[in-house]
C-alpha atoms as a PDB file:
ATOM      1  CA  MET A   1     246.066 172.292  21.138  1.00  0.00           C
ATOM      2  CA  ARG A   2     243.934 172.651  18.275  1.00  0.00           C
ATOM      3  CA  VAL A   3     241.816 169.590  18.474  1.00  0.00           C
ATOM      4  CA  GLU A   4     240.388 167.540  15.124  1.00  0.00           C
ATOM      5  CA  GLU A   5     237.618 164.805  14.643  1.00  0.00           C
ATOM      6  CA  ALA A   6     238.638 161.835  15.550  1.00  0.00           C
ATOM      7  CA  ASP A   7     238.321 158.623  14.113  1.00  0.00           C
ATOM      8  CA  GLN A   8     235.763 156.747  15.679  1.00  0.00           C
ATOM      9  CA  ASN A   9     236.401 153.143  13.992  1.00  0.00           C
ATOM     10  CA  THR A  10     237.468 150.944  17.694  1.00  0.00           C
ATOM     11  CA  PRO A  11     240.299 148.524  16.957  1.00  0.00           C
ATOM     12  CA  SER A  12     239.879 145.167  15.512  1.00  0.00           C
ATOM     13  CA  PHE A  13     240.288 142.076  18.189  1.00  0.00           C
ATOM     14  CA  ILE A  14     240.973 138.788  17.679  1.00  0.00           C
ATOM     15  CA  GLY A  15     238.746 136.056  19.115  1.00  0.00           C
ATOM     16  CA  VAL A  16     238.161 132.525  19.383  1.00  0.00           C
ATOM     17  CA  TYR A  17     235.140 131.140  17.791  1.00  0.00           C
ATOM     18  CA  GLY A  18     232.765 128.959  19.679  1.00  0.00           C
ATOM     19  CA  THR A  19     229.160 128.181  20.787  1.00  0.00           C
ATOM     20  CA  ARG A  20     226.813 129.477  23.874  1.00  0.00           C
ATOM     21  CA  ARG A  21     227.292 126.072  25.733  1.00  0.00           C
ATOM     22  CA  THR A  22     229.712 123.571  26.311  1.00  0.00           C
ATOM     23  CA  VAL A  23     228.688 119.796  27.198  1.00  0.00           C
ATOM     24  CA  PRO A  24     230.348 117.147  28.823  1.00  0.00           C
ATOM     25  CA  LEU A  25     228.639 114.081  28.263  1.00  0.00           C
ATOM     26  CA  ALA A  26     229.280 110.735  30.378  1.00  0.00           C
ATOM     27  CA  SER A  27     228.207 107.054  30.844  1.00  0.00           C
ATOM     28  CA  ALA A  28     225.669 106.351  33.640  1.00  0.00           C
ATOM     29  CA  GLN A  29     227.447 102.918  33.503  1.00  0.00           C
ATOM     30  CA  SER A  30     231.043 102.075  33.920  1.00  0.00           C
ATOM     31  CA  GLY A  31     232.219  99.479  31.582  1.00  0.00           C
ATOM     32  CA  ARG A  32     234.418  98.567  28.459  1.00  0.00           C
ATOM     33  CA  VAL A  33     233.917 101.102  24.865  1.00  0.00           C
ATOM     34  CA  ALA A  34     232.573  98.842  21.784  1.00  0.00           C
ATOM     35  CA  ALA A  35     232.794 101.899  19.298  1.00  0.00           C
ATOM     36  CA  VAL A  36     233.115 105.672  18.951  1.00  0.00           C
ATOM     37  CA  SER A  37     230.485 106.542  16.109  1.00  0.00           C
ATOM     38  CA  VAL A  38     231.748 109.988  15.539  1.00  0.00           C
ATOM     39  CA  SER A  39     234.931 112.224  15.575  1.00  0.00           C
ATOM     40  CA  VAL A  40     235.923 116.143  16.463  1.00  0.00           C
ATOM     41  CA  GLY A  41     234.394 118.554  14.478  1.00  0.00           C
ATOM     42  CA  GLU A  42     231.229 116.475  13.292  1.00  0.00           C
ATOM     43  CA  HIS A  43     227.721 117.812  13.515  1.00  0.00           C
ATOM     44  CA  VAL A  44     225.500 115.543  15.989  1.00  0.00           C
ATOM     45  CA  HIS A  45     221.626 115.666  16.285  1.00  0.00           C
ATOM     46  CA  LYS A  46     219.690 114.888  19.721  1.00  0.00           C
ATOM     47  CA  GLY A  47     219.544 111.593  20.576  1.00  0.00           C
ATOM     48  CA  GLN A  48     222.189 110.336  18.120  1.00  0.00           C
ATOM     49  CA  ILE A  49     224.479 107.662  19.810  1.00  0.00           C
ATOM     50  CA  LEU A  50     228.251 108.533  19.753  1.00  0.00           C
ATOM     51  CA  VAL A  51     229.804 106.162  22.093  1.00  0.00           C
ATOM     52  CA  THR A  52     228.647 102.578  22.835  1.00  0.00           C
ATOM     53  CA  PHE A  53     229.426 100.060  25.212  1.00  0.00           C
ATOM     54  CA  ASP A  54     229.788  96.387  25.639  1.00  0.00           C
ATOM     55  CA  LYS A  55     226.764  95.214  27.005  1.00  0.00           C
ATOM     56  CA  THR A  56     227.160  91.449  27.038  1.00  0.00           C
ATOM     57  CA  ALA A  57     227.098  91.069  30.882  1.00  0.00           C
ATOM     58  CA  VAL A  58     224.031  93.927  31.102  1.00  0.00           C
ATOM     59  CA  LEU A  59     222.486  91.933  28.163  1.00  0.00           C
ATOM     60  CA  GLU A  60     222.712  88.706  30.010  1.00  0.00           C
ATOM     61  CA  SER A  61     221.232  90.502  33.162  1.00  0.00           C
ATOM     62  CA  VAL A  62     217.984  91.448  30.558  1.00  0.00           C
ATOM     63  CA  SER A  63     218.029  88.378  29.565  1.00  0.00           C
ATOM     64  CA  GLN A  64     217.908  86.566  32.939  1.00  0.00           C
ATOM     65  CA  ALA A  65     215.141  89.130  34.543  1.00  0.00           C
ATOM     66  CA  GLN A  66     213.273  88.118  31.121  1.00  0.00           C
ATOM     67  CA  GLY A  67     213.225  84.845  32.044  1.00  0.00           C
ATOM     68  CA  GLU A  68     212.308  85.138  35.576  1.00  0.00           C
ATOM     69  CA  LEU A  69     209.427  87.259  34.257  1.00  0.00           C
ATOM     70  CA  ASP A  70     208.224  84.406  32.209  1.00  0.00           C
ATOM     71  CA  VAL A  71     208.199  82.352  34.912  1.00  0.00           C
ATOM     72  CA  ALA A  72     206.376  84.835  37.365  1.00  0.00           C
ATOM     73  CA  HIS A  73     203.710  85.254  34.311  1.00  0.00           C
ATOM     74  CA  ALA A  74     203.407  81.350  34.464  1.00  0.00           C
ATOM     75  CA  GLU A  75     203.171  81.092  37.950  1.00  0.00           C
ATOM     76  CA  ALA A  76     200.763  83.461  38.119  1.00  0.00           C
ATOM     77  CA  ALA A  77     198.534  81.987  35.424  1.00  0.00           C
ATOM     78  CA  GLN A  78     198.640  78.527  36.988  1.00  0.00           C
ATOM     79  CA  SER A  79     197.429  79.993  40.501  1.00  0.00           C
ATOM     80  CA  ALA A  80     194.808  81.813  38.949  1.00  0.00           C
ATOM     81  CA  SER A  81     193.532  78.912  37.681  1.00  0.00           C
ATOM     82  CA  LEU A  82     193.805  76.968  40.432  1.00  0.00           C
ATOM     83  CA  LEU A  83     191.799  80.171  42.707  1.00  0.00           C
ATOM     84  CA  HIS A  84     189.105  79.899  39.759  1.00  0.00           C
ATOM     85  CA  ARG A  85     188.660  75.940  39.859  1.00  0.00           C
ATOM     86  CA  SER A  86     188.279  76.230  43.735  1.00  0.00           C
ATOM     87  CA  ARG A  87     185.422  79.045  44.249  1.00  0.00           C
ATOM     88  CA  GLY A  88     182.407  77.129  45.472  1.00  0.00           C
ATOM     89  CA  LEU A  89     184.345  74.159  46.900  1.00  0.00           C
ATOM     90  CA  ASP A  90     184.208  75.296  50.396  1.00  0.00           C
ATOM     91  CA  THR A  91     180.395  75.475  50.372  1.00  0.00           C
ATOM     92  CA  THR A  92     180.038  71.767  48.894  1.00  0.00           C
ATOM     93  CA  GLY A  93     182.831  70.667  51.287  1.00  0.00           C
ATOM     94  CA  GLY A  94     185.313  70.104  48.573  1.00  0.00           C
ATOM     95  CA  LEU A  95     188.075  72.037  50.237  1.00  0.00           C
ATOM     96  CA  SER A  96     188.166  73.635  53.654  1.00  0.00           C
ATOM     97  CA  THR A  97     188.229  78.053  54.133  1.00  0.00           C
ATOM     98  CA  ALA A  98     191.657  77.704  54.831  1.00  0.00           C
ATOM     99  CA  GLU A  99     192.447  75.849  51.903  1.00  0.00           C
ATOM    100  CA  ILE A 100     190.472  78.623  49.558  1.00  0.00           C
ATOM    101  CA  GLU A 101     192.411  81.273  51.424  1.00  0.00           C
ATOM    102  CA  GLN A 102     195.748  79.996  51.249  1.00  0.00           C
ATOM    103  CA  ARG A 103     195.124  79.623  47.234  1.00  0.00           C
ATOM    104  CA  ARG A 104     193.900  83.392  47.348  1.00  0.00           C
ATOM    105  CA  PHE A 105     197.313  84.326  48.711  1.00  0.00           C
ATOM    106  CA  SER A 106     199.267  81.963  46.442  1.00  0.00           C
ATOM    107  CA  ASP A 107     197.476  84.315  43.291  1.00  0.00           C
ATOM    108  CA  LYS A 108     198.007  87.677  45.050  1.00  0.00           C
ATOM    109  CA  SER A 109     201.956  86.248  45.756  1.00  0.00           C
ATOM    110  CA  SER A 110     202.117  85.224  42.235  1.00  0.00           C
ATOM    111  CA  LEU A 111     200.931  88.503  40.892  1.00  0.00           C
ATOM    112  CA  GLY A 112     203.408  90.368  43.224  1.00  0.00           C
ATOM    113  CA  LYS A 113     206.407  88.171  41.951  1.00  0.00           C
ATOM    114  CA  VAL A 114     205.487  89.134  37.871  1.00  0.00           C
ATOM    115  CA  ARG A 115     205.751  92.938  38.855  1.00  0.00           C
ATOM    116  CA  SER A 116     208.694  92.409  40.620  1.00  0.00           C
ATOM    117  CA  SER A 117     210.421  90.121  37.805  1.00  0.00           C
ATOM    118  CA  LEU A 118     208.393  93.485  35.849  1.00  0.00           C
ATOM    119  CA  ALA A 119     210.405  95.735  37.504  1.00  0.00           C
ATOM    120  CA  SER A 120     213.947  94.125  37.443  1.00  0.00           C
ATOM    121  CA  LEU A 121     213.541  93.497  33.302  1.00  0.00           C
ATOM    122  CA  HIS A 122     212.971  97.577  33.268  1.00  0.00           C
ATOM    123  CA  GLN A 123     215.794  98.373  35.634  1.00  0.00           C
ATOM    124  CA  ALA A 124     218.099  95.941  33.306  1.00  0.00           C
ATOM    125  CA  GLU A 125     216.508  97.467  30.146  1.00  0.00           C
ATOM    126  CA  ILE A 126     217.628 101.216  31.409  1.00  0.00           C
ATOM    127  CA  GLN A 127     221.085  99.713  32.618  1.00  0.00           C
ATOM    128  CA  ALA A 128     221.780  98.645  28.929  1.00  0.00           C
ATOM    129  CA  ALA A 129     220.726 101.863  27.491  1.00  0.00           C
ATOM    130  CA  GLU A 130     222.072 103.994  29.757  1.00  0.00           C
ATOM    131  CA  MET A 131     225.835 102.570  28.604  1.00  0.00           C
ATOM    132  CA  ASP A 132     225.224 104.396  25.285  1.00  0.00           C
ATOM    133  CA  VAL A 133     226.286 107.879  25.121  1.00  0.00           C
ATOM    134  CA  ARG A 134     223.946 110.392  22.992  1.00  0.00           C
ATOM    135  CA  ALA A 135     223.633 113.625  22.148  1.00  0.00           C
ATOM    136  CA  SER A 136     221.700 115.722  24.720  1.00  0.00           C
ATOM    137  CA  GLU A 137     221.183 118.519  22.103  1.00  0.00           C
ATOM    138  CA  ASP A 138     221.845 119.403  18.573  1.00  0.00           C
ATOM    139  CA  GLY A 139     225.738 120.675  18.241  1.00  0.00           C
ATOM    140  CA  VAL A 140     229.459 120.233  17.273  1.00  0.00           C
ATOM    141  CA  ILE A 141     231.498 117.522  18.506  1.00  0.00           C
ATOM    142  CA  THR A 142     234.947 118.768  20.245  1.00  0.00           C
ATOM    143  CA  TYR A 143     236.653 116.219  22.661  1.00  0.00           C
ATOM    144  CA  ILE A 144     236.486 112.672  22.419  1.00  0.00           C
ATOM    145  CA  ALA A 145     238.212 110.751  25.329  1.00  0.00           C
ATOM    146  CA  ALA A 146     236.841 107.073  24.608  1.00  0.00           C
ATOM    147  CA  THR A 147     238.749 104.954  22.253  1.00  0.00           C
ATOM    148  CA  PRO A 148     237.342 101.290  21.679  1.00  0.00           C
ATOM    149  CA  GLY A 149     238.616  98.664  24.157  1.00  0.00           C
ATOM    150  CA  SER A 150     239.315 101.274  26.631  1.00  0.00           C
ATOM    151  CA  ILE A 151     237.400 101.141  30.087  1.00  0.00           C
ATOM    152  CA  ILE A 152     235.316 104.123  31.209  1.00  0.00           C
ATOM    153  CA  THR A 153     234.253 104.699  34.732  1.00  0.00           C
ATOM    154  CA  ALA A 154     230.713 106.102  35.668  1.00  0.00           C
ATOM    155  CA  GLY A 155     230.355 109.850  35.511  1.00  0.00           C
ATOM    156  CA  ASN A 156     233.466 110.699  33.883  1.00  0.00           C
ATOM    157  CA  GLU A 157     233.362 112.809  30.366  1.00  0.00           C
ATOM    158  CA  VAL A 158     233.453 110.687  27.507  1.00  0.00           C
ATOM    159  CA  VAL A 159     232.532 113.221  24.647  1.00  0.00           C
ATOM    160  CA  ARG A 160     232.548 116.576  24.789  1.00  0.00           C
ATOM    161  CA  LEU A 161     229.637 118.640  22.740  1.00  0.00           C
ATOM    162  CA  ASN A 162     229.380 122.395  21.791  1.00  0.00           C
ATOM    163  CA  ALA A 163     225.666 123.398  21.366  1.00  0.00           C
ATOM    164  CA  GLY A 164     223.630 126.792  21.220  1.00  0.00           C
ATOM    165  CA  GLU A 165     224.050 129.757  19.434  1.00  0.00           C
ATOM    166  CA  PRO A 166     227.293 130.562  17.323  1.00  0.00           C
ATOM    167  CA  GLU A 167     229.325 132.849  19.570  1.00  0.00           C
ATOM    168  CA  ILE A 168     232.979 134.231  19.539  1.00  0.00           C
ATOM    169  CA  ARG A 169     234.887 135.553  22.756  1.00  0.00           C
ATOM    170  CA  ILE A 170     237.263 138.488  22.587  1.00  0.00           C
ATOM    171  CA  GLN A 171     239.486 140.265  25.276  1.00  0.00           C
ATOM    172  CA  THR A 172     239.190 143.902  25.786  1.00  0.00           C
ATOM    173  CA  LEU A 173     240.884 146.924  28.081  1.00  0.00           C
ATOM    174  CA  PRO A 174     237.953 148.029  30.435  1.00  0.00           C
ATOM    175  CA  SER A 175     238.742 151.251  29.395  1.00  0.00           C
ATOM    176  CA  LEU A 176     237.109 150.006  25.988  1.00  0.00           C
ATOM    177  CA  ASN A 177     233.541 152.062  25.752  1.00  0.00           C
ATOM    178  CA  LEU A 178     231.547 148.990  25.111  1.00  0.00           C
ATOM    179  CA  HIS A 179     227.807 148.006  25.526  1.00  0.00           C
ATOM    180  CA  ASN A 180     225.483 144.836  25.515  1.00  0.00           C
ATOM    181  CA  GLY A 181     224.070 145.379  21.695  1.00  0.00           C
ATOM    182  CA  ASP A 182     226.777 146.879  20.326  1.00  0.00           C
ATOM    183  CA  LYS A 183     227.340 145.575  16.531  1.00  0.00           C
ATOM    184  CA  ALA A 184     230.347 144.075  14.933  1.00  0.00           C
ATOM    185  CA  GLU A 185     231.366 142.065  11.839  1.00  0.00           C
ATOM    186  CA  VAL A 186     233.379 138.581  12.619  1.00  0.00           C
ATOM    187  CA  ALA A 187     235.640 137.461   9.608  1.00  0.00           C
ATOM    188  CA  ILE A 188     237.835 134.266   9.167  1.00  0.00           C
ATOM    189  CA  SER A 189     240.960 136.155   7.595  1.00  0.00           C
ATOM    190  CA  THR A 190     241.477 139.104   5.583  1.00  0.00           C
ATOM    191  CA  GLU A 191     242.438 137.096   2.785  1.00  0.00           C
ATOM    192  CA  SER A 192     239.017 134.864   3.106  1.00  0.00           C
ATOM    193  CA  ASN A 193     236.647 135.170   0.376  1.00  0.00           C
ATOM    194  CA  VAL A 194     234.008 134.278   2.864  1.00  0.00           C
ATOM    195  CA  ALA A 195     231.696 137.364   3.776  1.00  0.00           C
ATOM    196  CA  ALA A 196     231.952 138.737   7.588  1.00  0.00           C
ATOM    197  CA  VAL A 197     229.038 137.130   9.557  1.00  0.00           C
ATOM    198  CA  PRO A 198     226.873 140.373  11.636  1.00  0.00           C
ATOM    199  CA  ALA A 199     227.540 139.503  15.193  1.00  0.00           C
ATOM    200  CA  VAL A 200     226.325 141.791  18.295  1.00  0.00           C
ATOM    201  CA  VAL A 201     227.606 141.745  22.189  1.00  0.00           C
ATOM    202  CA  ARG A 202     225.479 139.313  24.385  1.00  0.00           C
ATOM    203  CA  GLU A 203     227.738 140.255  27.754  1.00  0.00           C
ATOM    204  CA  ILE A 204     230.657 141.977  28.932  1.00  0.00           C
ATOM    205  CA  ASP A 205     232.596 140.364  32.202  1.00  0.00           C
ATOM    206  CA  SER A 206     232.829 142.588  34.788  1.00  0.00           C
ATOM    207  CA  ALA A 207     235.803 140.998  36.212  1.00  0.00           C
ATOM    208  CA  VAL A 208     239.234 142.038  34.822  1.00  0.00           C
ATOM    209  CA  ASP A 209     241.993 139.278  34.741  1.00  0.00           C
ATOM    210  CA  LYS A 210     244.607 140.653  37.087  1.00  0.00           C
ATOM    211  CA  THR A 211     247.547 139.448  34.965  1.00  0.00           C
ATOM    212  CA  SER A 212     246.457 140.827  31.724  1.00  0.00           C
ATOM    213  CA  GLN A 213     244.231 143.259  32.776  1.00  0.00           C
ATOM    214  CA  LEU A 214     241.555 142.320  30.338  1.00  0.00           C
ATOM    215  CA  ARG A 215     238.030 141.436  30.390  1.00  0.00           C
ATOM    216  CA  ASP A 216     235.919 139.349  28.700  1.00  0.00           C
ATOM    217  CA  VAL A 217     233.532 140.238  25.805  1.00  0.00           C
ATOM    218  CA  GLN A 218     231.140 137.409  24.643  1.00  0.00           C
ATOM    219  CA  LEU A 219     229.439 138.450  20.860  1.00  0.00           C
ATOM    220  CA  THR A 220     226.630 136.346  19.427  1.00  0.00           C
ATOM    221  CA  LEU A 221     227.028 135.592  15.558  1.00  0.00           C
ATOM    222  CA  SER A 222     223.898 135.744  13.333  1.00  0.00           C
ATOM    223  CA  GLU A 223     224.663 132.454  11.739  1.00  0.00           C
ATOM    224  CA  PRO A 224     227.736 130.140  12.216  1.00  0.00           C
ATOM    225  CA  LEU A 225     231.096 130.301  10.497  1.00  0.00           C
ATOM    226  CA  PRO A 226     232.617 127.996   8.142  1.00  0.00           C
ATOM    227  CA  VAL A 227     235.288 126.294  10.454  1.00  0.00           C
ATOM    228  CA  PRO A 228     235.432 124.648  13.233  1.00  0.00           C
ATOM    229  CA  VAL A 229     234.951 125.586  16.696  1.00  0.00           C
ATOM    230  CA  ASN A 230     238.176 127.369  18.323  1.00  0.00           C
ATOM    231  CA  THR A 231     239.124 128.814  15.376  1.00  0.00           C
ATOM    232  CA  LEU A 232     240.323 132.190  15.418  1.00  0.00           C
ATOM    233  CA  ALA A 233     238.835 134.718  13.776  1.00  0.00           C
ATOM    234  CA  LYS A 234     238.531 138.919  13.586  1.00  0.00           C
ATOM    235  CA  VAL A 235     235.973 140.733  15.112  1.00  0.00           C
ATOM    236  CA  SER A 236     235.477 144.383  14.163  1.00  0.00           C
ATOM    237  CA  PHE A 237     233.273 146.907  15.568  1.00  0.00           C
ATOM    238  CA  LEU A 238     230.885 149.115  13.681  1.00  0.00           C
ATOM    239  CA  ARG A 239     230.234 152.722  14.840  1.00  0.00           C
ATOM    240  CA  SER A 240     227.147 154.276  14.625  1.00  0.00           C
ATOM    241  CA  ARG A 241     227.543 157.825  13.541  1.00  0.00           C
ATOM    242  CA  SER A 242     224.341 159.271  14.864  1.00  0.00           C
ATOM    243  CA  GLY A 243     225.471 163.207  14.089  1.00  0.00           C
ATOM    244  CA  ARG A 244     227.384 163.291  17.507  1.00  0.00           C
ATOM    245  CA  ILE A 245     231.232 164.739  16.588  1.00  0.00           C
ATOM    246  CA  LEU A 246     233.840 162.962  19.098  1.00  0.00           C
ATOM    247  CA  THR A 247     237.501 164.905  19.369  1.00  0.00           C
ATOM    248  CA  ARG A 248     240.787 163.207  20.781  1.00  0.00           C
ATOM    249  CA  VAL A 249     242.632 165.057  23.489  1.00  0.00           C
ATOM    250  CA  PRO A 250     245.286 164.342  25.784  1.00  0.00           C
ATOM    251  CA  LEU A 251     244.255 162.842  29.384  1.00  0.00           C
ATOM    252  CA  THR A 252     246.575 165.831  30.539  1.00  0.00           C
ATOM    253  CA  ALA A 253     243.606 168.500  29.795  1.00  0.00           C
ATOM    254  CA  LEU A 254     241.247 166.926  31.551  1.00  0.00           C
ATOM    255  CA  VAL A 255     240.133 168.088  34.836  1.00  0.00           C
ATOM    256  CA  PRO A 256     237.900 165.970  36.641  1.00  0.00           C
ATOM    257  CA  ASP A 257     234.925 166.602  38.844  1.00  0.00           C
ATOM    258  CA  LYS A 258     233.947 165.376  42.239  1.00  0.00           C
ATOM    259  CA  ASP A 259     230.695 164.101  40.591  1.00  0.00           C
ATOM    260  CA  GLY A 260     232.932 161.927  37.954  1.00  0.00           C
ATOM    261  CA  ALA A 261     232.173 164.362  35.161  1.00  0.00           C
ATOM    262  CA  ALA A 262     235.069 166.161  33.709  1.00  0.00           C
ATOM    263  CA  HIS A 263     236.051 169.687  32.215  1.00  0.00           C
ATOM    264  CA  LEU A 264     238.738 171.261  29.882  1.00  0.00           C
ATOM    265  CA  TRP A 265     239.620 174.571  29.272  1.00  0.00           C
ATOM    266  CA  VAL A 266     238.890 175.963  25.906  1.00  0.00           C
ATOM    267  CA  LEU A 267     240.269 179.204  24.230  1.00  0.00           C
ATOM    268  CA  SER A 268     238.454 181.436  22.664  1.00  0.00           C
ATOM    269  CA  ASN A 269     239.591 182.604  19.041  1.00  0.00           C
ATOM    270  CA  HIS A 270     238.715 186.678  19.432  1.00  0.00           C
ATOM    271  CA  GLU A 271     241.221 189.315  19.229  1.00  0.00           C
ATOM    272  CA  GLU A 272     241.734 188.684  23.239  1.00  0.00           C
ATOM    273  CA  THR A 273     242.420 185.476  23.636  1.00  0.00           C
ATOM    274  CA  ARG A 274     240.767 183.874  27.242  1.00  0.00           C
ATOM    275  CA  THR A 275     239.664 180.911  28.888  1.00  0.00           C
ATOM    276  CA  ALA A 276     236.318 179.396  29.207  1.00  0.00           C
ATOM    277  CA  PHE A 277     235.828 176.198  31.435  1.00  0.00           C
ATOM    278  CA  ARG A 278     233.619 173.706  29.150  1.00  0.00           C
ATOM    279  CA  ARG A 279     232.296 170.564  30.480  1.00  0.00           C
ATOM    280  CA  ILE A 280     232.565 167.321  28.202  1.00  0.00           C
ATOM    281  CA  THR A 281     231.610 164.060  28.416  1.00  0.00           C
ATOM    282  CA  VAL A 282     234.429 161.302  28.000  1.00  0.00           C
ATOM    283  CA  MET A 283     233.286 158.307  25.817  1.00  0.00           C
ATOM    284  CA  GLU A 284     236.157 156.160  25.212  1.00  0.00           C
ATOM    285  CA  LEU A 285     239.948 156.100  26.761  1.00  0.00           C
ATOM    286  CA  ARG A 286     242.904 155.383  23.904  1.00  0.00           C
ATOM    287  CA  GLY A 287     246.260 154.988  25.916  1.00  0.00           C
ATOM    288  CA  ALA A 288     247.020 158.502  26.837  1.00  0.00           C
ATOM    289  CA  ASP A 289     244.480 160.236  25.143  1.00  0.00           C
ATOM    290  CA  ALA A 290     240.305 160.588  25.837  1.00  0.00           C
ATOM    291  CA  LEU A 291     237.341 160.422  23.103  1.00  0.00           C
ATOM    292  CA  VAL A 292     235.518 163.280  23.960  1.00  0.00           C
ATOM    293  CA  GLU A 293     232.069 164.599  23.229  1.00  0.00           C
ATOM    294  CA  GLY A 294     231.318 168.549  23.564  1.00  0.00           C
ATOM    295  CA  LEU A 295     233.726 170.223  21.646  1.00  0.00           C
ATOM    296  CA  GLN A 296     233.875 171.346  17.689  1.00  0.00           C
ATOM    297  CA  PRO A 297     236.834 170.406  15.137  1.00  0.00           C
ATOM    298  CA  GLY A 298     239.237 173.470  15.414  1.00  0.00           C
ATOM    299  CA  GLU A 299     238.745 174.449  18.775  1.00  0.00           C
ATOM    300  CA  ILE A 300     241.555 175.661  20.973  1.00  0.00           C
ATOM    301  CA  ILE A 301     242.186 173.850  24.170  1.00  0.00           C
ATOM    302  CA  VAL A 302     244.887 174.036  26.683  1.00  0.00           C
ATOM    303  CA  ALA A 303     246.640 170.630  26.539  1.00  0.00           C
ATOM    304  CA  SER A 304     248.085 170.886  29.859  1.00  0.00           C
ATOM    305  CA  GLY A 305     248.705 172.678  33.347  1.00  0.00           C
ATOM    306  CA  PRO A 306     244.867 173.473  33.465  1.00  0.00           C
ATOM    307  CA  ASP A 307     245.399 173.554  37.204  1.00  0.00           C
ATOM    308  CA  THR A 308     246.743 176.695  37.157  1.00  0.00           C
ATOM    309  CA  LEU A 309     244.167 178.807  34.790  1.00  0.00           C
ATOM    310  CA  GLN A 310     241.124 180.796  35.785  1.00  0.00           C
ATOM    311  CA  THR A 311     237.737 181.508  34.200  1.00  0.00           C
ATOM    312  CA  ASP A 312     237.853 184.463  31.712  1.00  0.00           C
ATOM    313  CA  GLN A 313     241.146 184.456  32.240  1.00  0.00           C
ATOM    314  CA  LYS A 314     243.340 186.702  29.268  1.00  0.00           C
ATOM    315  CA  VAL A 315     246.132 184.378  28.106  1.00  0.00           C
ATOM    316  CA  LYS A 316     248.705 184.414  25.400  1.00  0.00           C
ATOM    317  CA  ILE A 317     249.106 181.667  22.542  1.00  0.00           C
ATOM    318  CA  ALA A 318     252.852 180.447  22.337  1.00  0.00           C
ATOM    319  CA  ALA A 319     252.105 177.758  20.149  1.00  0.00           C
ATOM    320  CA  ILE A 320     249.381 175.718  18.818  1.00  0.00           C
ATOM    321  CA  ARG A 321     249.842 171.894  17.631  1.00  0.00           C
ATOM    322  CA  ASN A 322     247.214 169.683  16.305  1.00  0.00           C
ATOM    323  CA  SER A 323     245.572 167.102  18.334  1.00  0.00           C
ATOM    324  CA  LEU A 324     246.411 164.502  15.505  1.00  0.00           C
END
């Protein structure tokens, strides 16, 4: 077989557009939904209220706690005033020492009631605030479970937020020679007027799905795509042509070594054709073929039956076919 330079462009893939993180948001309190302020696909900002709850009961608790705090403040002021007027009366005989001590105790007790009432008020206010579901960070709403009037249990997902850098996930065969940092372009469709967005491989999953025999590959985009998340997009990898020459050879031509390297038999182009055992580097597998480095276009190799040959063996070429 006469080898020729291989097309180094990798196949294109269809991926699912999304973001780095998927964040489920829930209410810390159970209650009835009063209003949903966002819709699926909407961009939101950190702290923005997404879902509000009916706070009638909680606000009643807040009002009650505020009233108890007001009473506690009034009682504390009264106790403080009474204690202030009592100073020195024990020395003149107006009040006994025991009565003075009782007024001091009442003053401290009233201050304790103020602190307790204040804590109760803060707790009621926190409960009221926790019933609102807010965006934990900037992102895009991708799912809403709540509807006005529905009852939501504390801790259950109410809204789902996609946040972080824009990404796209594809699935590839493990034989595809990809590395973190490999560059690609992501396009919405071939007919779209929107320019392709540059992307870089961020993570290659080492686990392979047992059913599909595919692995997940995550790419980070340089900018968001002007489409909703979960939209399908085309991913095309860019190959660097740094002067290396890759040729395509059939897997039947390869002779594996114990150390994991590979060799094949190359035939000389002299008047007397002889075999040479050459070490090559397998760069990528493509079906029944391999893209290898270490051959020059035009060289002749033995495409099958390599186990029957010896080094510098004189052979006769019966027929030559091209590799592509």
